[in-house]
PDB file of all heavy atoms in Angstrom:
ATOM      1  N   GLY A   1     -23.649 -82.763-160.353  1.00  0.00           N
ATOM      2  CA  GLY A   1     -23.169 -83.896-159.519  1.00  0.00           C
ATOM      3  C   GLY A   1     -24.244 -84.943-159.182  1.00  0.00           C
ATOM      4  O   GLY A   1     -24.870 -85.544-160.101  1.00  0.00           O
ATOM      5  N   LEU A   2     -24.513 -85.068-157.875  1.00  0.00           N
ATOM      6  CA  LEU A   2     -25.534 -86.052-157.496  1.00  0.00           C
ATOM      7  C   LEU A   2     -26.915 -85.661-157.841  1.00  0.00           C
ATOM      8  O   LEU A   2     -27.847 -86.596-157.745  1.00  0.00           O
ATOM      9  CB  LEU A   2     -25.406 -86.137-155.889  1.00  0.00           C
ATOM     10  CG  LEU A   2     -24.128 -86.595-155.270  1.00  0.00           C
ATOM     11  CD1 LEU A   2     -24.141 -86.500-153.833  1.00  0.00           C
ATOM     12  CD2 LEU A   2     -23.863 -88.059-155.766  1.00  0.00           C
ATOM     13  N   ASN A   3     -27.171 -84.516-158.293  1.00  0.00           N
ATOM     14  CA  ASN A   3     -28.515 -84.125-158.686  1.00  0.00           C
ATOM     15  C   ASN A   3     -28.768 -84.196-160.124  1.00  0.00           C
ATOM     16  O   ASN A   3     -29.839 -83.766-160.644  1.00  0.00           O
ATOM     17  CB  ASN A   3     -28.704 -82.593-158.328  1.00  0.00           C
ATOM     18  CG  ASN A   3     -28.665 -82.448-156.821  1.00  0.00           C
ATOM     19  OD1 ASN A   3     -29.269 -83.187-156.003  1.00  0.00           O
ATOM     20  ND2 ASN A   3     -27.972 -81.361-156.344  1.00  0.00           N
ATOM     21  N   LEU A   4     -27.835 -84.886-160.942  1.00  0.00           N
ATOM     22  CA  LEU A   4     -27.943 -84.959-162.407  1.00  0.00           C
ATOM     23  C   LEU A   4     -29.276 -85.695-162.764  1.00  0.00           C
ATOM     24  O   LEU A   4     -29.872 -85.296-163.744  1.00  0.00           O
ATOM     25  CB  LEU A   4     -26.672 -85.660-162.979  1.00  0.00           C
ATOM     26  CG  LEU A   4     -26.739 -85.809-164.460  1.00  0.00           C
ATOM     27  CD1 LEU A   4     -26.676 -84.526-165.184  1.00  0.00           C
ATOM     28  CD2 LEU A   4     -25.560 -86.710-164.901  1.00  0.00           C
ATOM     29  N   GLY A   5     -29.576 -86.720-161.994  1.00  0.00           N
ATOM     30  CA  GLY A   5     -30.849 -87.457-162.355  1.00  0.00           C
ATOM     31  C   GLY A   5     -32.072 -86.694-162.394  1.00  0.00           C
ATOM     32  O   GLY A   5     -33.057 -87.054-163.036  1.00  0.00           O
ATOM     33  N   GLU A   6     -32.052 -85.505-161.650  1.00  0.00           N
ATOM     34  CA  GLU A   6     -33.278 -84.693-161.613  1.00  0.00           C
ATOM     35  C   GLU A   6     -33.465 -83.883-162.901  1.00  0.00           C
ATOM     36  O   GLU A   6     -34.522 -83.359-163.130  1.00  0.00           O
ATOM     37  CB  GLU A   6     -33.183 -83.722-160.451  1.00  0.00           C
ATOM     38  CG  GLU A   6     -33.173 -84.385-159.086  1.00  0.00           C
ATOM     39  CD  GLU A   6     -34.458 -85.060-158.685  1.00  0.00           C
ATOM     40  OE1 GLU A   6     -35.509 -84.412-159.042  1.00  0.00           O
ATOM     41  OE2 GLU A   6     -34.525 -86.168-158.289  1.00  0.00           O
ATOM     42  N   LEU A   7     -32.443 -83.867-163.748  1.00  0.00           N
ATOM     43  CA  LEU A   7     -32.595 -83.063-164.880  1.00  0.00           C
ATOM     44  C   LEU A   7     -33.589 -83.453-165.840  1.00  0.00           C
ATOM     45  O   LEU A   7     -34.187 -82.676-166.606  1.00  0.00           O
ATOM     46  CB  LEU A   7     -31.152 -83.045-165.658  1.00  0.00           C
ATOM     47  CG  LEU A   7     -30.869 -82.074-166.772  1.00  0.00           C
ATOM     48  CD1 LEU A   7     -31.023 -80.612-166.199  1.00  0.00           C
ATOM     49  CD2 LEU A   7     -29.443 -82.148-167.290  1.00  0.00           C
ATOM     50  N   GLU A   8     -33.833 -84.782-166.012  1.00  0.00           N
ATOM     51  CA  GLU A   8     -34.947 -85.166-166.877  1.00  0.00           C
ATOM     52  C   GLU A   8     -36.320 -84.691-166.595  1.00  0.00           C
ATOM     53  O   GLU A   8     -37.021 -84.402-167.523  1.00  0.00           O
ATOM     54  CB  GLU A   8     -34.970 -86.783-166.815  1.00  0.00           C
ATOM     55  CG  GLU A   8     -36.029 -87.401-167.831  1.00  0.00           C
ATOM     56  CD  GLU A   8     -36.064 -88.865-167.688  1.00  0.00           C
ATOM     57  OE1 GLU A   8     -35.671 -89.456-166.641  1.00  0.00           O
ATOM     58  OE2 GLU A   8     -36.721 -89.518-168.596  1.00  0.00           O
ATOM     59  N   ARG A   9     -36.524 -84.434-165.336  1.00  0.00           N
ATOM     60  CA  ARG A   9     -37.841 -83.883-164.908  1.00  0.00           C
ATOM     61  C   ARG A   9     -38.007 -82.485-165.383  1.00  0.00           C
ATOM     62  O   ARG A   9     -39.173 -81.997-165.462  1.00  0.00           O
ATOM     63  CB  ARG A   9     -37.983 -84.038-163.442  1.00  0.00           C
ATOM     64  CG  ARG A   9     -38.158 -85.441-162.918  1.00  0.00           C
ATOM     65  CD  ARG A   9     -38.017 -85.441-161.341  1.00  0.00           C
ATOM     66  NE  ARG A   9     -38.945 -84.470-160.714  1.00  0.00           N
ATOM     67  CZ  ARG A   9     -38.905 -84.101-159.468  1.00  0.00           C
ATOM     68  NH1 ARG A   9     -37.994 -84.515-158.673  1.00  0.00           N
ATOM     69  NH2 ARG A   9     -39.764 -83.237-158.997  1.00  0.00           N
ATOM     70  N   TRP A  10     -36.958 -81.789-165.700  1.00  0.00           N
ATOM     71  CA  TRP A  10     -36.991 -80.424-166.089  1.00  0.00           C
ATOM     72  C   TRP A  10     -36.803 -80.190-167.543  1.00  0.00           C
ATOM     73  O   TRP A  10     -36.783 -79.017-168.041  1.00  0.00           O
ATOM     74  CB  TRP A  10     -35.873 -79.587-165.289  1.00  0.00           C
ATOM     75  CG  TRP A  10     -36.084 -79.497-163.837  1.00  0.00           C
ATOM     76  CD1 TRP A  10     -35.981 -80.423-162.857  1.00  0.00           C
ATOM     77  CD2 TRP A  10     -36.402 -78.285-163.131  1.00  0.00           C
ATOM     78  NE1 TRP A  10     -36.311 -79.920-161.655  1.00  0.00           N
ATOM     79  CE2 TRP A  10     -36.543 -78.546-161.774  1.00  0.00           C
ATOM     80  CE3 TRP A  10     -36.537 -76.949-163.513  1.00  0.00           C
ATOM     81  CZ2 TRP A  10     -36.829 -77.577-160.821  1.00  0.00           C
ATOM     82  CZ3 TRP A  10     -36.832 -75.938-162.669  1.00  0.00           C
ATOM     83  CH2 TRP A  10     -36.937 -76.318-161.263  1.00  0.00           C
ATOM     84  N   GLN A  11     -36.643 -81.310-168.285  1.00  0.00           N
ATOM     85  CA  GLN A  11     -36.210 -81.067-169.777  1.00  0.00           C
ATOM     86  C   GLN A  11     -37.300 -80.457-170.611  1.00  0.00           C
ATOM     87  O   GLN A  11     -36.993 -79.939-171.682  1.00  0.00           O
ATOM     88  CB  GLN A  11     -35.904 -82.486-170.298  1.00  0.00           C
ATOM     89  CG  GLN A  11     -36.960 -83.493-170.425  1.00  0.00           C
ATOM     90  CD  GLN A  11     -36.527 -84.750-171.188  1.00  0.00           C
ATOM     91  OE1 GLN A  11     -35.632 -84.639-172.103  1.00  0.00           O
ATOM     92  NE2 GLN A  11     -37.021 -85.851-170.829  1.00  0.00           N
ATOM     93  N   ASN A  12     -38.509 -80.321-170.193  1.00  0.00           N
ATOM     94  CA  ASN A  12     -39.559 -79.614-170.932  1.00  0.00           C
ATOM     95  C   ASN A  12     -39.845 -78.287-170.360  1.00  0.00           C
ATOM     96  O   ASN A  12     -40.810 -77.572-170.845  1.00  0.00           O
ATOM     97  CB  ASN A  12     -40.814 -80.448-171.005  1.00  0.00           C
ATOM     98  CG  ASN A  12     -40.638 -81.757-171.775  1.00  0.00           C
ATOM     99  OD1 ASN A  12     -39.957 -81.768-172.824  1.00  0.00           O
ATOM    100  ND2 ASN A  12     -41.197 -82.829-171.266  1.00  0.00           N
ATOM    101  N   THR A  13     -38.941 -77.741-169.464  1.00  0.00           N
ATOM    102  CA  THR A  13     -39.181 -76.511-168.819  1.00  0.00           C
ATOM    103  C   THR A  13     -38.087 -75.500-169.354  1.00  0.00           C
ATOM    104  O   THR A  13     -36.882 -75.833-169.353  1.00  0.00           O
ATOM    105  CB  THR A  13     -39.075 -76.592-167.289  1.00  0.00           C
ATOM    106  OG1 THR A  13     -40.028 -77.573-166.801  1.00  0.00           O
ATOM    107  CG2 THR A  13     -39.304 -75.288-166.644  1.00  0.00           C
ATOM    108  N   SER A  14     -38.440 -74.323-169.765  1.00  0.00           N
ATOM    109  CA  SER A  14     -37.563 -73.335-170.139  1.00  0.00           C
ATOM    110  C   SER A  14     -36.793 -72.810-168.901  1.00  0.00           C
ATOM    111  O   SER A  14     -37.441 -72.619-167.848  1.00  0.00           O
ATOM    112  CB  SER A  14     -38.260 -72.110-170.912  1.00  0.00           C
ATOM    113  OG  SER A  14     -37.355 -71.197-171.311  1.00  0.00           O
ATOM    114  N   PRO A  15     -35.533 -72.497-168.919  1.00  0.00           N
ATOM    115  CA  PRO A  15     -34.577 -72.545-170.172  1.00  0.00           C
ATOM    116  C   PRO A  15     -33.870 -73.856-170.341  1.00  0.00           C
ATOM    117  O   PRO A  15     -33.047 -73.949-171.236  1.00  0.00           O
ATOM    118  CB  PRO A  15     -33.613 -71.411-169.790  1.00  0.00           C
ATOM    119  CG  PRO A  15     -33.455 -71.545-168.352  1.00  0.00           C
ATOM    120  CD  PRO A  15     -34.833 -71.918-167.830  1.00  0.00           C
ATOM    121  N   ILE A  16     -34.245 -74.854-169.502  1.00  0.00           N
ATOM    122  CA  ILE A  16     -33.523 -76.133-169.677  1.00  0.00           C
ATOM    123  C   ILE A  16     -33.837 -76.819-171.051  1.00  0.00           C
ATOM    124  O   ILE A  16     -32.972 -77.254-171.695  1.00  0.00           O
ATOM    125  CB  ILE A  16     -33.910 -77.128-168.562  1.00  0.00           C
ATOM    126  CG1 ILE A  16     -33.649 -76.577-167.218  1.00  0.00           C
ATOM    127  CG2 ILE A  16     -33.269 -78.470-168.714  1.00  0.00           C
ATOM    128  CD1 ILE A  16     -32.275 -76.303-166.836  1.00  0.00           C
ATOM    129  N   ARG A  17     -35.093 -76.621-171.511  1.00  0.00           N
ATOM    130  CA  ARG A  17     -35.481 -77.153-172.760  1.00  0.00           C
ATOM    131  C   ARG A  17     -34.640 -76.456-173.871  1.00  0.00           C
ATOM    132  O   ARG A  17     -34.192 -77.067-174.850  1.00  0.00           O
ATOM    133  CB  ARG A  17     -36.962 -76.963-173.003  1.00  0.00           C
ATOM    134  CG  ARG A  17     -37.489 -77.343-174.400  1.00  0.00           C
ATOM    135  CD  ARG A  17     -38.867 -76.901-174.613  1.00  0.00           C
ATOM    136  NE  ARG A  17     -39.065 -75.405-174.717  1.00  0.00           N
ATOM    137  CZ  ARG A  17     -39.724 -74.769-173.786  1.00  0.00           C
ATOM    138  NH1 ARG A  17     -40.334 -75.355-172.805  1.00  0.00           N
ATOM    139  NH2 ARG A  17     -39.792 -73.484-173.836  1.00  0.00           N
ATOM    140  N   ASP A  18     -34.445 -75.121-173.810  1.00  0.00           N
ATOM    141  CA  ASP A  18     -33.838 -74.343-174.803  1.00  0.00           C
ATOM    142  C   ASP A  18     -32.342 -74.844-174.814  1.00  0.00           C
ATOM    143  O   ASP A  18     -31.696 -74.879-175.829  1.00  0.00           O
ATOM    144  CB  ASP A  18     -33.889 -72.833-174.517  1.00  0.00           C
ATOM    145  CG  ASP A  18     -35.235 -72.394-174.408  1.00  0.00           C
ATOM    146  OD1 ASP A  18     -36.101 -73.024-175.242  1.00  0.00           O
ATOM    147  OD2 ASP A  18     -35.612 -71.558-173.683  1.00  0.00           O
ATOM    148  N   TRP A  19     -31.743 -75.094-173.613  1.00  0.00           N
ATOM    149  CA  TRP A  19     -30.354 -75.611-173.594  1.00  0.00           C
ATOM    150  C   TRP A  19     -30.191 -76.957-174.212  1.00  0.00           C
ATOM    151  O   TRP A  19     -29.229 -77.172-175.069  1.00  0.00           O
ATOM    152  CB  TRP A  19     -29.873 -75.646-172.093  1.00  0.00           C
ATOM    153  CG  TRP A  19     -28.535 -76.238-171.916  1.00  0.00           C
ATOM    154  CD1 TRP A  19     -27.339 -75.686-172.158  1.00  0.00           C
ATOM    155  CD2 TRP A  19     -28.261 -77.575-171.621  1.00  0.00           C
ATOM    156  NE1 TRP A  19     -26.322 -76.533-171.953  1.00  0.00           N
ATOM    157  CE2 TRP A  19     -26.798 -77.718-171.592  1.00  0.00           C
ATOM    158  CE3 TRP A  19     -29.027 -78.662-171.238  1.00  0.00           C
ATOM    159  CZ2 TRP A  19     -26.212 -78.905-171.229  1.00  0.00           C
ATOM    160  CZ3 TRP A  19     -28.355 -79.945-170.932  1.00  0.00           C
ATOM    161  CH2 TRP A  19     -26.997 -79.975-170.937  1.00  0.00           C
ATOM    162  N   ILE A  20     -31.143 -77.790-174.008  1.00  0.00           N
ATOM    163  CA  ILE A  20     -31.104 -79.190-174.569  1.00  0.00           C
ATOM    164  C   ILE A  20     -31.103 -79.062-176.063  1.00  0.00           C
ATOM    165  O   ILE A  20     -30.372 -79.821-176.816  1.00  0.00           O
ATOM    166  CB  ILE A  20     -32.324 -80.023-174.078  1.00  0.00           C
ATOM    167  CG1 ILE A  20     -32.034 -80.316-172.603  1.00  0.00           C
ATOM    168  CG2 ILE A  20     -32.498 -81.227-174.924  1.00  0.00           C
ATOM    169  CD1 ILE A  20     -33.272 -81.107-171.966  1.00  0.00           C
ATOM    170  N   GLN A  21     -31.930 -78.215-176.609  1.00  0.00           N
ATOM    171  CA  GLN A  21     -32.147 -78.171-178.097  1.00  0.00           C
ATOM    172  C   GLN A  21     -30.881 -77.720-178.872  1.00  0.00           C
ATOM    173  O   GLN A  21     -30.748 -77.958-180.065  1.00  0.00           O
ATOM    174  CB  GLN A  21     -33.293 -77.216-178.401  1.00  0.00           C
ATOM    175  CG  GLN A  21     -34.665 -77.803-177.976  1.00  0.00           C
ATOM    176  CD  GLN A  21     -35.784 -76.792-178.122  1.00  0.00           C
ATOM    177  OE1 GLN A  21     -35.573 -75.594-178.397  1.00  0.00           O
ATOM    178  NE2 GLN A  21     -37.064 -77.239-178.137  1.00  0.00           N
ATOM    179  N   VAL A  22     -29.884 -77.078-178.190  1.00  0.00           N
ATOM    180  CA  VAL A  22     -28.714 -76.637-178.900  1.00  0.00           C
ATOM    181  C   VAL A  22     -27.525 -77.602-178.587  1.00  0.00           C
ATOM    182  O   VAL A  22     -26.366 -77.318-179.006  1.00  0.00           O
ATOM    183  CB  VAL A  22     -28.310 -75.209-178.542  1.00  0.00           C
ATOM    184  CG1 VAL A  22     -29.454 -74.169-178.929  1.00  0.00           C
ATOM    185  CG2 VAL A  22     -28.022 -75.089-177.045  1.00  0.00           C
ATOM    186  N   GLN A  23     -27.820 -78.704-177.858  1.00  0.00           N
ATOM    187  CA  GLN A  23     -26.757 -79.686-177.560  1.00  0.00           C
ATOM    188  C   GLN A  23     -26.839 -80.860-178.574  1.00  0.00           C
ATOM    189  O   GLN A  23     -27.858 -81.158-179.075  1.00  0.00           O
ATOM    190  CB  GLN A  23     -26.867 -80.287-176.178  1.00  0.00           C
ATOM    191  CG  GLN A  23     -26.941 -79.166-175.095  1.00  0.00           C
ATOM    192  CD  GLN A  23     -25.790 -78.133-175.067  1.00  0.00           C
ATOM    193  OE1 GLN A  23     -24.651 -78.536-175.346  1.00  0.00           O
ATOM    194  NE2 GLN A  23     -26.082 -76.897-174.976  1.00  0.00           N
ATOM    195  N   LYS A  24     -25.728 -81.487-178.918  1.00  0.00           N
ATOM    196  CA  LYS A  24     -25.726 -82.622-179.615  1.00  0.00           C
ATOM    197  C   LYS A  24     -26.414 -83.847-178.838  1.00  0.00           C
ATOM    198  O   LYS A  24     -26.036 -84.115-177.700  1.00  0.00           O
ATOM    199  CB  LYS A  24     -24.304 -83.117-180.017  1.00  0.00           C
ATOM    200  CG  LYS A  24     -23.581 -82.114-180.962  1.00  0.00           C
ATOM    201  CD  LYS A  24     -22.202 -82.651-181.283  1.00  0.00           C
ATOM    202  CE  LYS A  24     -21.551 -81.633-182.271  1.00  0.00           C
ATOM    203  NZ  LYS A  24     -20.136 -82.039-182.625  1.00  0.00           N
ATOM    204  N   GLN A  25     -27.284 -84.590-179.506  1.00  0.00           N
ATOM    205  CA  GLN A  25     -28.014 -85.627-178.805  1.00  0.00           C
ATOM    206  C   GLN A  25     -27.050 -86.708-178.356  1.00  0.00           C
ATOM    207  O   GLN A  25     -27.231 -87.304-177.299  1.00  0.00           O
ATOM    208  CB  GLN A  25     -29.015 -86.225-179.754  1.00  0.00           C
ATOM    209  CG  GLN A  25     -29.923 -87.266-179.111  1.00  0.00           C
ATOM    210  CD  GLN A  25     -30.687 -86.754-177.825  1.00  0.00           C
ATOM    211  OE1 GLN A  25     -31.304 -85.695-178.024  1.00  0.00           O
ATOM    212  NE2 GLN A  25     -30.691 -87.487-176.828  1.00  0.00           N
ATOM    213  N   SER A  26     -25.978 -86.891-179.124  1.00  0.00           N
ATOM    214  CA  SER A  26     -24.969 -87.901-178.740  1.00  0.00           C
ATOM    215  C   SER A  26     -24.336 -87.558-177.397  1.00  0.00           C
ATOM    216  O   SER A  26     -23.979 -88.499-176.595  1.00  0.00           O
ATOM    217  CB  SER A  26     -23.945 -88.099-179.845  1.00  0.00           C
ATOM    218  OG  SER A  26     -23.254 -86.892-180.027  1.00  0.00           O
ATOM    219  N   GLU A  27     -24.105 -86.228-177.131  1.00  0.00           N
ATOM    220  CA  GLU A  27     -23.474 -85.850-175.937  1.00  0.00           C
ATOM    221  C   GLU A  27     -24.534 -85.853-174.708  1.00  0.00           C
ATOM    222  O   GLU A  27     -24.126 -86.178-173.612  1.00  0.00           O
ATOM    223  CB  GLU A  27     -22.942 -84.409-176.090  1.00  0.00           C
ATOM    224  CG  GLU A  27     -21.734 -84.290-177.052  1.00  0.00           C
ATOM    225  CD  GLU A  27     -21.227 -82.903-177.095  1.00  0.00           C
ATOM    226  OE1 GLU A  27     -21.645 -82.024-176.332  1.00  0.00           O
ATOM    227  OE2 GLU A  27     -20.284 -82.737-177.970  1.00  0.00           O
ATOM    228  N   LEU A  28     -25.686 -85.623-175.026  1.00  0.00           N
ATOM    229  CA  LEU A  28     -26.775 -85.801-174.017  1.00  0.00           C
ATOM    230  C   LEU A  28     -26.942 -87.167-173.651  1.00  0.00           C
ATOM    231  O   LEU A  28     -27.190 -87.577-172.515  1.00  0.00           O
ATOM    232  CB  LEU A  28     -28.134 -85.218-174.599  1.00  0.00           C
ATOM    233  CG  LEU A  28     -28.169 -83.710-174.833  1.00  0.00           C
ATOM    234  CD1 LEU A  28     -29.465 -83.302-175.451  1.00  0.00           C
ATOM    235  CD2 LEU A  28     -27.933 -82.931-173.540  1.00  0.00           C
ATOM    236  N   ASP A  29     -26.816 -88.066-174.601  1.00  0.00           N
ATOM    237  CA  ASP A  29     -27.060 -89.515-174.373  1.00  0.00           C
ATOM    238  C   ASP A  29     -25.954 -90.034-173.343  1.00  0.00           C
ATOM    239  O   ASP A  29     -26.167 -90.949-172.588  1.00  0.00           O
ATOM    240  CB  ASP A  29     -26.943 -90.388-175.597  1.00  0.00           C
ATOM    241  CG  ASP A  29     -28.167 -90.099-176.536  1.00  0.00           C
ATOM    242  OD1 ASP A  29     -29.208 -89.689-176.009  1.00  0.00           O
ATOM    243  OD2 ASP A  29     -28.050 -90.378-177.718  1.00  0.00           O
ATOM    244  N   GLU A  30     -24.749 -89.421-173.404  1.00  0.00           N
ATOM    245  CA  GLU A  30     -23.618 -89.777-172.579  1.00  0.00           C
ATOM    246  C   GLU A  30     -23.948 -89.551-171.104  1.00  0.00           C
ATOM    247  O   GLU A  30     -23.235 -90.070-170.149  1.00  0.00           O
ATOM    248  CB  GLU A  30     -22.359 -89.089-173.005  1.00  0.00           C
ATOM    249  CG  GLU A  30     -21.831 -89.637-174.363  1.00  0.00           C
ATOM    250  CD  GLU A  30     -20.651 -88.856-174.841  1.00  0.00           C
ATOM    251  OE1 GLU A  30     -20.126 -87.957-174.061  1.00  0.00           O
ATOM    252  OE2 GLU A  30     -20.197 -89.136-176.001  1.00  0.00           O
ATOM    253  N   LEU A  31     -24.916 -88.707-170.813  1.00  0.00           N
ATOM    254  CA  LEU A  31     -25.311 -88.396-169.462  1.00  0.00           C
ATOM    255  C   LEU A  31     -26.130 -89.432-168.724  1.00  0.00           C
ATOM    256  O   LEU A  31     -26.318 -89.529-167.575  1.00  0.00           O
ATOM    257  CB  LEU A  31     -26.053 -87.028-169.366  1.00  0.00           C
ATOM    258  CG  LEU A  31     -25.348 -85.750-169.908  1.00  0.00           C
ATOM    259  CD1 LEU A  31     -26.264 -84.557-169.757  1.00  0.00           C
ATOM    260  CD2 LEU A  31     -24.078 -85.497-169.218  1.00  0.00           C
ATOM    261  N   HIS A  32     -26.810 -90.254-169.695  1.00  0.00           N
ATOM    262  CA  HIS A  32     -27.544 -91.395-169.266  1.00  0.00           C
ATOM    263  C   HIS A  32     -28.734 -91.055-168.261  1.00  0.00           C
ATOM    264  O   HIS A  32     -28.924 -91.717-167.265  1.00  0.00           O
ATOM    265  CB  HIS A  32     -26.650 -92.478-168.531  1.00  0.00           C
ATOM    266  CG  HIS A  32     -25.476 -92.897-169.426  1.00  0.00           C
ATOM    267  ND1 HIS A  32     -25.657 -93.691-170.568  1.00  0.00           N
ATOM    268  CD2 HIS A  32     -24.114 -92.724-169.319  1.00  0.00           C
ATOM    269  CE1 HIS A  32     -24.482 -93.921-171.159  1.00  0.00           C
ATOM    270  NE2 HIS A  32     -23.579 -93.338-170.373  1.00  0.00           N
ATOM    271  N   VAL A  33     -29.349 -89.921-168.576  1.00  0.00           N
ATOM    272  CA  VAL A  33     -30.487 -89.575-167.727  1.00  0.00           C
ATOM    273  C   VAL A  33     -31.780 -89.415-168.572  1.00  0.00           C
ATOM    274  O   VAL A  33     -32.779 -88.826-168.064  1.00  0.00           O
ATOM    275  CB  VAL A  33     -30.178 -88.192-166.969  1.00  0.00           C
ATOM    276  CG1 VAL A  33     -29.169 -88.433-165.925  1.00  0.00           C
ATOM    277  CG2 VAL A  33     -29.799 -87.093-167.852  1.00  0.00           C
TER     278      VAL A  33
END
């Protein structure tokens, strides 16, 4: 929700990084973060 913008700061930290790597980039782009 309101904390979505914080996700970018965690994108190189496991397990967030591992989650990102199995998602379609086009769907990640739709988050606009």
